[in-house]
Amino acid sequence: RPHIGARLMLPSGEFLGVREGLVADP
């Protein structure tokens, strides 16, 4: 971030660009 960003694949096969995230504990 902020340039190219990370990507997350959804179950549908689509990608989401992820700009911010925090470690959670579920």
PDB file of all heavy atoms in Angstrom:
ATOM      1  N   ARG A   1       0.829  -1.178   0.000  1.00  0.00           N
ATOM      2  CA  ARG A   1       0.000   0.000   0.000  1.00  0.00           C
ATOM      3  C   ARG A   1       0.871   1.239   0.000  1.00  0.00           C
ATOM      4  O   ARG A   1       1.874   1.241   0.687  1.00  0.00           O
ATOM      5  CB  ARG A   1      -0.887   0.026   1.239  1.00  0.00           C
ATOM      6  CG  ARG A   1      -1.776   1.236   1.215  1.00  0.00           C
ATOM      7  CD  ARG A   1      -2.759   1.273   2.286  1.00  0.00           C
ATOM      8  NE  ARG A   1      -3.588   2.431   1.984  1.00  0.00           N
ATOM      9  CZ  ARG A   1      -4.441   2.950   2.774  1.00  0.00           C
ATOM     10  NH1 ARG A   1      -4.640   2.418   3.927  1.00  0.00           N
ATOM     11  NH2 ARG A   1      -5.133   3.999   2.421  1.00  0.00           N
ATOM     12  N   PRO A   2       0.588   2.270  -0.668  1.00  0.00           N
ATOM     13  CA  PRO A   2      -0.624   2.582  -1.398  1.00  0.00           C
ATOM     14  C   PRO A   2      -0.544   2.270  -2.886  1.00  0.00           C
ATOM     15  O   PRO A   2      -1.500   2.461  -3.606  1.00  0.00           O
ATOM     16  CB  PRO A   2      -0.764   4.083  -1.195  1.00  0.00           C
ATOM     17  CG  PRO A   2       0.652   4.569  -1.212  1.00  0.00           C
ATOM     18  CD  PRO A   2       1.444   3.462  -0.526  1.00  0.00           C
ATOM     19  N   HIS A   3       0.580   1.782  -3.348  1.00  0.00           N
ATOM     20  CA  HIS A   3       0.799   1.695  -4.783  1.00  0.00           C
ATOM     21  C   HIS A   3      -0.037   0.632  -5.481  1.00  0.00           C
ATOM     22  O   HIS A   3      -1.019   0.954  -6.128  1.00  0.00           O
ATOM     23  CB  HIS A   3       2.284   1.520  -5.081  1.00  0.00           C
ATOM     24  CG  HIS A   3       3.099   2.615  -4.472  1.00  0.00           C
ATOM     25  ND1 HIS A   3       3.029   3.908  -4.897  1.00  0.00           N
ATOM     26  CD2 HIS A   3       3.957   2.617  -3.431  1.00  0.00           C
ATOM     27  CE1 HIS A   3       3.816   4.663  -4.167  1.00  0.00           C
ATOM     28  NE2 HIS A   3       4.392   3.905  -3.263  1.00  0.00           N
ATOM     29  N   ILE A   4       0.330  -0.623  -5.371  1.00  0.00           N
ATOM     30  CA  ILE A   4      -0.395  -1.623  -6.163  1.00  0.00           C
ATOM     31  C   ILE A   4      -1.393  -2.423  -5.345  1.00  0.00           C
ATOM     32  O   ILE A   4      -2.363  -2.915  -5.877  1.00  0.00           O
ATOM     33  CB  ILE A   4       0.564  -2.564  -6.907  1.00  0.00           C
ATOM     34  CG1 ILE A   4       1.435  -3.335  -5.937  1.00  0.00           C
ATOM     35  CG2 ILE A   4       1.398  -1.806  -7.902  1.00  0.00           C
ATOM     36  CD1 ILE A   4       2.293  -4.376  -6.606  1.00  0.00           C
ATOM     37  N   GLY A   5      -1.180  -2.570  -4.072  1.00  0.00           N
ATOM     38  CA  GLY A   5      -2.139  -3.227  -3.198  1.00  0.00           C
ATOM     39  C   GLY A   5      -2.137  -4.744  -3.255  1.00  0.00           C
ATOM     40  O   GLY A   5      -1.697  -5.355  -4.214  1.00  0.00           O
ATOM     41  N   ALA A   6      -2.642  -5.341  -2.184  1.00  0.00           N
ATOM     42  CA  ALA A   6      -2.776  -6.795  -2.080  1.00  0.00           C
ATOM     43  C   ALA A   6      -4.143  -7.199  -2.618  1.00  0.00           C
ATOM     44  O   ALA A   6      -5.057  -6.376  -2.709  1.00  0.00           O
ATOM     45  CB  ALA A   6      -2.628  -7.224  -0.624  1.00  0.00           C
ATOM     46  N   ARG A   7      -4.278  -8.494  -2.953  1.00  0.00           N
ATOM     47  CA  ARG A   7      -5.545  -9.003  -3.499  1.00  0.00           C
ATOM     48  C   ARG A   7      -5.959 -10.258  -2.748  1.00  0.00           C
ATOM     49  O   ARG A   7      -5.125 -11.084  -2.405  1.00  0.00           O
ATOM     50  CB  ARG A   7      -5.396  -9.338  -4.977  1.00  0.00           C
ATOM     51  CG  ARG A   7      -5.088  -8.147  -5.828  1.00  0.00           C
ATOM     52  CD  ARG A   7      -4.694  -8.467  -7.244  1.00  0.00           C
ATOM     53  NE  ARG A   7      -5.098  -9.750  -7.750  1.00  0.00           N
ATOM     54  CZ  ARG A   7      -5.659  -9.959  -8.931  1.00  0.00           C
ATOM     55  NH1 ARG A   7      -5.874  -8.951  -9.737  1.00  0.00           N
ATOM     56  NH2 ARG A   7      -5.978 -11.162  -9.328  1.00  0.00           N
ATOM     57  N   LEU A   8      -7.268 -10.380  -2.545  1.00  0.00           N
ATOM     58  CA  LEU A   8      -7.829 -11.532  -1.864  1.00  0.00           C
ATOM     59  C   LEU A   8      -8.857 -12.181  -2.783  1.00  0.00           C
ATOM     60  O   LEU A   8      -9.740 -11.496  -3.297  1.00  0.00           O
ATOM     61  CB  LEU A   8      -8.516 -11.088  -0.564  1.00  0.00           C
ATOM     62  CG  LEU A   8      -9.206 -12.171   0.248  1.00  0.00           C
ATOM     63  CD1 LEU A   8      -8.176 -13.137   0.837  1.00  0.00           C
ATOM     64  CD2 LEU A   8     -10.026 -11.548   1.362  1.00  0.00           C
ATOM     65  N   MET A   9      -8.720 -13.499  -2.982  1.00  0.00           N
ATOM     66  CA  MET A   9      -9.678 -14.196  -3.830  1.00  0.00           C
ATOM     67  C   MET A   9     -10.893 -14.595  -2.993  1.00  0.00           C
ATOM     68  O   MET A   9     -10.763 -15.176  -1.920  1.00  0.00           O
ATOM     69  CB  MET A   9      -9.082 -15.445  -4.471  1.00  0.00           C
ATOM     70  CG  MET A   9     -10.066 -16.118  -5.421  1.00  0.00           C
ATOM     71  SD  MET A   9      -9.436 -17.620  -6.165  1.00  0.00           S
ATOM     72  CE  MET A   9      -8.416 -16.948  -7.440  1.00  0.00           C
ATOM     73  N   LEU A  10     -12.075 -14.256  -3.510  1.00  0.00           N
ATOM     74  CA  LEU A  10     -13.331 -14.615  -2.857  1.00  0.00           C
ATOM     75  C   LEU A  10     -13.765 -16.000  -3.314  1.00  0.00           C
ATOM     76  O   LEU A  10     -13.292 -16.501  -4.334  1.00  0.00           O
ATOM     77  CB  LEU A  10     -14.402 -13.583  -3.220  1.00  0.00           C
ATOM     78  CG  LEU A  10     -14.127 -12.166  -2.743  1.00  0.00           C
ATOM     79  CD1 LEU A  10     -15.184 -11.215  -3.276  1.00  0.00           C
ATOM     80  CD2 LEU A  10     -14.092 -12.121  -1.222  1.00  0.00           C
ATOM     81  N   PRO A  11     -14.706 -16.632  -2.599  1.00  0.00           N
ATOM     82  CA  PRO A  11     -15.202 -17.944  -3.015  1.00  0.00           C
ATOM     83  C   PRO A  11     -15.761 -17.948  -4.445  1.00  0.00           C
ATOM     84  O   PRO A  11     -15.698 -18.956  -5.135  1.00  0.00           O
ATOM     85  CB  PRO A  11     -16.305 -18.248  -1.997  1.00  0.00           C
ATOM     86  CG  PRO A  11     -15.946 -17.439  -0.799  1.00  0.00           C
ATOM     87  CD  PRO A  11     -15.267 -16.209  -1.330  1.00  0.00           C
ATOM     88  N   SER A  12     -16.251 -16.807  -4.906  1.00  0.00           N
ATOM     89  CA  SER A  12     -16.806 -16.698  -6.260  1.00  0.00           C
ATOM     90  C   SER A  12     -15.725 -16.678  -7.340  1.00  0.00           C
ATOM     91  O   SER A  12     -16.033 -16.746  -8.524  1.00  0.00           O
ATOM     92  CB  SER A  12     -17.643 -15.424  -6.379  1.00  0.00           C
ATOM     93  OG  SER A  12     -16.796 -14.288  -6.234  1.00  0.00           O
ATOM     94  N   GLY A  13     -14.459 -16.541  -6.927  1.00  0.00           N
ATOM     95  CA  GLY A  13     -13.364 -16.440  -7.893  1.00  0.00           C
ATOM     96  C   GLY A  13     -12.980 -15.005  -8.199  1.00  0.00           C
ATOM     97  O   GLY A  13     -11.989 -14.753  -8.863  1.00  0.00           O
ATOM     98  N   GLU A  14     -13.772 -14.054  -7.736  1.00  0.00           N
ATOM     99  CA  GLU A  14     -13.470 -12.631  -7.893  1.00  0.00           C
ATOM    100  C   GLU A  14     -12.335 -12.244  -6.957  1.00  0.00           C
ATOM    101  O   GLU A  14     -12.129 -12.891  -5.929  1.00  0.00           O
ATOM    102  CB  GLU A  14     -14.672 -11.783  -7.461  1.00  0.00           C
ATOM    103  CG  GLU A  14     -15.650 -11.425  -8.510  1.00  0.00           C
ATOM    104  CD  GLU A  14     -16.674 -10.470  -7.911  1.00  0.00           C
ATOM    105  OE1 GLU A  14     -17.596 -10.953  -7.239  1.00  0.00           O
ATOM    106  OE2 GLU A  14     -16.518  -9.247  -8.116  1.00  0.00           O
ATOM    107  N   PHE A  15     -11.641 -11.168  -7.298  1.00  0.00           N
ATOM    108  CA  PHE A  15     -10.610 -10.638  -6.417  1.00  0.00           C
ATOM    109  C   PHE A  15     -11.069  -9.328  -5.811  1.00  0.00           C
ATOM    110  O   PHE A  15     -11.719  -8.524  -6.470  1.00  0.00           O
ATOM    111  CB  PHE A  15      -9.304 -10.391  -7.183  1.00  0.00           C
ATOM    112  CG  PHE A  15      -8.492 -11.627  -7.389  1.00  0.00           C
ATOM    113  CD1 PHE A  15      -8.523 -12.291  -8.597  1.00  0.00           C
ATOM    114  CD2 PHE A  15      -7.682 -12.121  -6.375  1.00  0.00           C
ATOM    115  CE1 PHE A  15      -7.775 -13.433  -8.800  1.00  0.00           C
ATOM    116  CE2 PHE A  15      -6.924 -13.254  -6.560  1.00  0.00           C
ATOM    117  CZ  PHE A  15      -6.966 -13.916  -7.780  1.00  0.00           C
ATOM    118  N   LEU A  16     -10.714  -9.129  -4.552  1.00  0.00           N
ATOM    119  CA  LEU A  16     -10.903  -7.854  -3.874  1.00  0.00           C
ATOM    120  C   LEU A  16      -9.536  -7.255  -3.637  1.00  0.00           C
ATOM    121  O   LEU A  16      -8.619  -7.961  -3.206  1.00  0.00           O
ATOM    122  CB  LEU A  16     -11.538  -8.051  -2.494  1.00  0.00           C
ATOM    123  CG  LEU A  16     -13.027  -8.185  -2.363  1.00  0.00           C
ATOM    124  CD1 LEU A  16     -13.390  -8.326  -0.886  1.00  0.00           C
ATOM    125  CD2 LEU A  16     -13.748  -7.034  -2.985  1.00  0.00           C
ATOM    126  N   GLY A  17      -9.397  -5.975  -3.902  1.00  0.00           N
ATOM    127  CA  GLY A  17      -8.184  -5.278  -3.508  1.00  0.00           C
ATOM    128  C   GLY A  17      -8.291  -4.982  -2.021  1.00  0.00           C
ATOM    129  O   GLY A  17      -9.298  -4.440  -1.572  1.00  0.00           O
ATOM    130  N   VAL A  18      -7.304  -5.360  -1.250  1.00  0.00           N
ATOM    131  CA  VAL A  18      -7.336  -5.135   0.201  1.00  0.00           C
ATOM    132  C   VAL A  18      -6.398  -3.986   0.517  1.00  0.00           C
ATOM    133  O   VAL A  18      -5.205  -4.056   0.255  1.00  0.00           O
ATOM    134  CB  VAL A  18      -6.935  -6.410   0.971  1.00  0.00           C
ATOM    135  CG1 VAL A  18      -6.982  -6.160   2.469  1.00  0.00           C
ATOM    136  CG2 VAL A  18      -7.833  -7.570   0.593  1.00  0.00           C
ATOM    137  N   ARG A  19      -6.948  -2.924   1.076  1.00  0.00           N
ATOM    138  CA  ARG A  19      -6.171  -1.728   1.388  1.00  0.00           C
ATOM    139  C   ARG A  19      -5.728  -1.678   2.843  1.00  0.00           C
ATOM    140  O   ARG A  19      -4.658  -1.185   3.157  1.00  0.00           O
ATOM    141  CB  ARG A  19      -6.979  -0.470   1.074  1.00  0.00           C
ATOM    142  CG  ARG A  19      -7.487  -0.418  -0.356  1.00  0.00           C
ATOM    143  CD  ARG A  19      -6.381  -0.454  -1.341  1.00  0.00           C
ATOM    144  NE  ARG A  19      -5.790   0.871  -1.431  1.00  0.00           N
ATOM    145  CZ  ARG A  19      -4.690   1.148  -2.084  1.00  0.00           C
ATOM    146  NH1 ARG A  19      -4.041   0.206  -2.709  1.00  0.00           N
ATOM    147  NH2 ARG A  19      -4.221   2.356  -2.126  1.00  0.00           N
ATOM    148  N   GLU A  20      -6.587  -2.183   3.757  1.00  0.00           N
ATOM    149  CA  GLU A  20      -6.250  -2.195   5.182  1.00  0.00           C
ATOM    150  C   GLU A  20      -6.849  -3.428   5.830  1.00  0.00           C
ATOM    151  O   GLU A  20      -7.951  -3.846   5.476  1.00  0.00           O
ATOM    152  CB  GLU A  20      -6.813  -0.963   5.897  1.00  0.00           C
ATOM    153  CG  GLU A  20      -6.187   0.338   5.501  1.00  0.00           C
ATOM    154  CD  GLU A  20      -6.848   1.545   6.171  1.00  0.00           C
ATOM    155  OE1 GLU A  20      -7.673   1.367   7.098  1.00  0.00           O
ATOM    156  OE2 GLU A  20      -6.534   2.663   5.765  1.00  0.00           O
ATOM    157  N   GLY A  21      -6.131  -3.970   6.780  1.00  0.00           N
ATOM    158  CA  GLY A  21      -6.629  -5.110   7.526  1.00  0.00           C
ATOM    159  C   GLY A  21      -5.885  -5.233   8.843  1.00  0.00           C
ATOM    160  O   GLY A  21      -4.753  -4.776   8.972  1.00  0.00           O
ATOM    161  N   LEU A  22      -6.547  -5.832   9.805  1.00  0.00           N
ATOM    162  CA  LEU A  22      -5.967  -6.021  11.130  1.00  0.00           C
ATOM    163  C   LEU A  22      -6.074  -7.485  11.519  1.00  0.00           C
ATOM    164  O   LEU A  22      -7.079  -8.132  11.231  1.00  0.00           O
ATOM    165  CB  LEU A  22      -6.723  -5.174  12.161  1.00  0.00           C
ATOM    166  CG  LEU A  22      -6.747  -3.670  11.906  1.00  0.00           C
ATOM    167  CD1 LEU A  22      -7.748  -3.001  12.823  1.00  0.00           C
ATOM    168  CD2 LEU A  22      -5.359  -3.095  12.123  1.00  0.00           C
ATOM    169  N   VAL A  23      -5.062  -7.980  12.196  1.00  0.00           N
ATOM    170  CA  VAL A  23      -5.100  -9.365  12.651  1.00  0.00           C
ATOM    171  C   VAL A  23      -6.203  -9.502  13.692  1.00  0.00           C
ATOM    172  O   VAL A  23      -6.314  -8.697  14.608  1.00  0.00           O
ATOM    173  CB  VAL A  23      -3.736  -9.787  13.242  1.00  0.00           C
ATOM    174  CG1 VAL A  23      -3.816 -11.178  13.838  1.00  0.00           C
ATOM    175  CG2 VAL A  23      -2.659  -9.722  12.175  1.00  0.00           C
ATOM    176  N   ALA A  24      -7.053 -10.500  13.493  1.00  0.00           N
ATOM    177  CA  ALA A  24      -8.133 -10.809  14.431  1.00  0.00           C
ATOM    178  C   ALA A  24      -7.878 -12.209  14.967  1.00  0.00           C
ATOM    179  O   ALA A  24      -6.981 -12.902  14.502  1.00  0.00           O
ATOM    180  CB  ALA A  24      -9.478 -10.726  13.712  1.00  0.00           C
ATOM    181  N   ASP A  25      -8.700 -12.666  15.899  1.00  0.00           N
ATOM    182  CA  ASP A  25      -8.422 -13.964  16.489  1.00  0.00           C
ATOM    183  C   ASP A  25      -9.581 -14.959  16.456  1.00  0.00           C
ATOM    184  O   ASP A  25      -9.674 -15.798  17.331  1.00  0.00           O
ATOM    185  CB  ASP A  25      -7.946 -13.765  17.926  1.00  0.00           C
ATOM    186  CG  ASP A  25      -7.371 -15.040  18.517  1.00  0.00           C
ATOM    187  OD1 ASP A  25      -6.821 -15.846  17.754  1.00  0.00           O
ATOM    188  OD2 ASP A  25      -7.488 -15.222  19.736  1.00  0.00           O
ATOM    189  N   PRO A  26     -10.489 -14.907  15.496  1.00  0.00           N
ATOM    190  CA  PRO A  26     -11.505 -15.958  15.484  1.00  0.00           C
ATOM    191  C   PRO A  26     -10.863 -17.270  15.042  1.00  0.00           C
ATOM    192  O   PRO A  26      -9.997 -17.280  14.182  1.00  0.00           O
ATOM    193  CB  PRO A  26     -12.529 -15.490  14.483  1.00  0.00           C
ATOM    194  CG  PRO A  26     -12.045 -14.228  13.927  1.00  0.00           C
ATOM    195  CD  PRO A  26     -10.724 -13.902  14.513  1.00  0.00           C
TER     196      PRO A  26
END
